Structure formats: structure tokens, C-alpha cells
Protein backbone atom coordinates (compact mmCIF):
# COMPACT_ATOMS: atom_id res chain seq x y z
CA UNK A 1 123.04 104.68 86.97
CA UNK A 2 126.47 106.70 87.03
CA UNK A 3 124.97 109.96 87.77
CA UNK A 4 122.87 108.56 90.40
CA UNK A 5 119.53 109.19 88.88
CA UNK A 6 116.70 106.68 89.60
CA UNK A 7 116.56 103.50 86.81
CA UNK A 8 112.49 103.52 86.15
CA UNK A 9 112.82 100.67 83.62
CA UNK A 10 113.28 97.45 84.83
CA UNK A 11 114.32 95.99 81.35
CA UNK A 12 117.41 98.36 80.73
CA UNK A 13 118.96 96.09 83.97
CA UNK A 14 118.35 92.80 82.09
CA UNK A 15 121.83 92.89 81.05
CA UNK A 16 124.12 93.91 83.79
CA UNK A 17 126.38 92.02 85.57
CA UNK A 18 126.48 92.54 89.38
CA UNK A 19 129.15 91.50 91.58
CA UNK A 20 126.35 89.06 93.55
CA UNK A 21 122.97 87.78 93.24
CA UNK A 22 121.56 88.09 96.35
CA UNK A 23 118.13 89.50 95.46
CA UNK A 24 115.56 86.77 94.64
CA UNK A 25 114.01 89.11 91.91
CA UNK A 26 115.20 89.81 88.79
CA UNK A 27 115.96 88.48 85.02
CA UNK A 28 118.29 85.86 85.78
CA UNK A 29 116.49 84.44 88.95
CA UNK A 30 112.77 84.31 87.53
CA UNK A 31 112.84 80.54 87.62
CA UNK A 32 113.65 80.18 91.48
CA UNK A 33 109.57 80.48 91.90
CA UNK A 34 107.84 77.37 91.78
CA UNK A 35 104.07 77.36 90.07
CA UNK A 36 101.85 78.27 93.41
CA UNK A 37 104.51 79.82 95.17
CA UNK A 38 103.26 83.78 96.39
CA UNK A 39 106.23 86.49 96.90
CA UNK A 40 106.98 85.82 99.81
CA UNK A 41 107.89 82.09 99.85
CA UNK A 42 111.44 82.43 98.71
CA UNK A 43 113.61 84.42 101.27
CA UNK A 44 116.93 84.59 100.09
CA UNK A 45 119.50 83.22 97.64
CA UNK A 46 123.13 83.55 96.21
CA UNK A 47 125.02 82.11 93.51
CA UNK A 48 128.31 80.46 93.52
CA UNK A 49 131.51 82.10 92.57
CA UNK A 50 131.69 80.38 89.36
CA UNK A 51 128.33 81.95 88.42
CA UNK A 52 126.60 78.18 87.02
CA UNK A 53 124.66 77.76 90.34
CA UNK A 54 122.13 79.76 92.60
CA UNK A 55 120.77 78.39 95.86
CA UNK A 56 117.44 79.50 97.45
CA UNK A 57 116.16 79.15 100.89
CA UNK A 58 112.19 78.98 101.28
CA UNK A 59 109.59 78.97 103.66
CA UNK A 60 108.88 74.97 102.93
CA UNK A 61 111.95 73.89 104.45
CA UNK A 62 114.33 73.45 101.71
CA UNK A 63 117.54 74.54 99.98
CA UNK A 64 117.31 74.20 96.79
CA UNK A 65 120.07 74.25 94.13
CA UNK A 66 119.26 75.80 90.40
CA UNK A 67 121.33 76.29 87.36
CA UNK A 68 122.22 80.06 86.99
CA UNK A 69 120.81 82.31 85.17
CA UNK A 70 117.75 80.61 85.92
CA UNK A 71 115.35 82.63 83.61
CA UNK A 72 112.35 79.86 82.82
CA UNK A 73 109.99 78.60 85.04
CA UNK A 74 110.05 74.80 85.35
CA UNK A 75 113.46 74.17 85.17
CA UNK A 76 114.71 71.09 87.51
CA UNK A 77 116.13 72.42 90.79
CA UNK A 78 118.13 69.57 93.50
CA UNK A 79 115.96 70.33 96.84
CA UNK A 80 117.32 69.15 100.37
CA UNK A 81 115.66 69.11 103.56
CA UNK A 82 117.00 69.42 107.34
CA UNK A 83 115.79 72.30 108.73
CA UNK A 84 112.66 72.36 111.23
CA UNK A 85 111.61 76.05 110.29
CA UNK A 86 111.64 77.67 107.27
CA UNK A 87 115.45 78.75 105.53
CA UNK A 88 115.94 82.35 106.20
CA UNK A 89 119.76 82.62 104.39
CA UNK A 90 121.95 80.67 102.21
CA UNK A 91 125.44 81.50 101.05
CA UNK A 92 128.22 80.39 99.66
CA UNK A 93 131.62 79.63 100.44
CA UNK A 94 134.45 81.78 98.80
CA UNK A 95 135.87 79.00 97.05
CA UNK A 96 132.45 78.18 96.28
CA UNK A 97 132.71 74.55 97.80
CA UNK A 98 130.24 74.98 100.44
CA UNK A 99 127.30 76.15 101.11
CA UNK A 100 125.59 77.62 104.34
CA UNK A 101 122.11 77.72 105.16
CA UNK A 102 120.52 79.41 108.26
CA UNK A 103 116.93 78.45 109.84
CA UNK A 104 114.95 80.81 111.18
CA UNK A 105 113.16 79.40 114.41
CA UNK A 106 114.99 76.47 114.50
CA UNK A 107 117.68 78.14 115.25
CA UNK A 108 120.33 76.20 113.27
CA UNK A 109 122.99 76.54 110.82
CA UNK A 110 123.74 74.01 108.51
CA UNK A 111 127.23 73.22 105.89
CA UNK A 112 126.79 71.75 102.72
CA UNK A 113 129.59 70.26 100.65
């Protein structure tokens, strides 16, 4: 809050517009979790500058693209693979025309167009 007090009601933050979206938990990213996933399977997310797309990196070696906001379970997404280990981070370029992904134990950095 503006006065520095702790906010204890999650629903009070539902409509807050954040400058970035890299937190894997929250109202606008509820749909990134597929059935059967636990709370550790998605490692990172990033929203594109136009605020229309959300990329995620997961433990199943996938980079996934979701519509943003993704508030409903089961919405379709596009999956891309290439990493030999879990994807630890994804991040859009400043213009949003490229996506970078980092692998864990494979030590790779991919650039996606």
C-alpha cells in the first residue's frame, strides 16, 4: 500500500496494474497451471510489452506462450521445446519481438523470434 502497511487481502489486489508480470502467482496468471502441476513446475513468467502475451518456463523443458491475462485453467497455449533441462527463466526483449529462455543444467540461452 502507499502508506507501507501490509496488505492481507489478496482479492484487494485483483485489479492492480503492475509494471511487469514475472510472478508466477496472481490473478492474471492463474491459467498457466495445467492440471496435475504442483506449485514448483512453472519456474518463471514474463509478459510482453503490449501486455497481450505471457511466456512461461517450466520443469518439463517447455517454453509456453499464453494469452495475457490467463485467468482460466485449460486455455490453449503454444508449447516450444529445445532445452535439455528445466527452463529457469524467460524474458521478452524491450520491443517484445524476441523471447530469451535460460535452461538449468543444460546451460543454454535460446533466442526465440
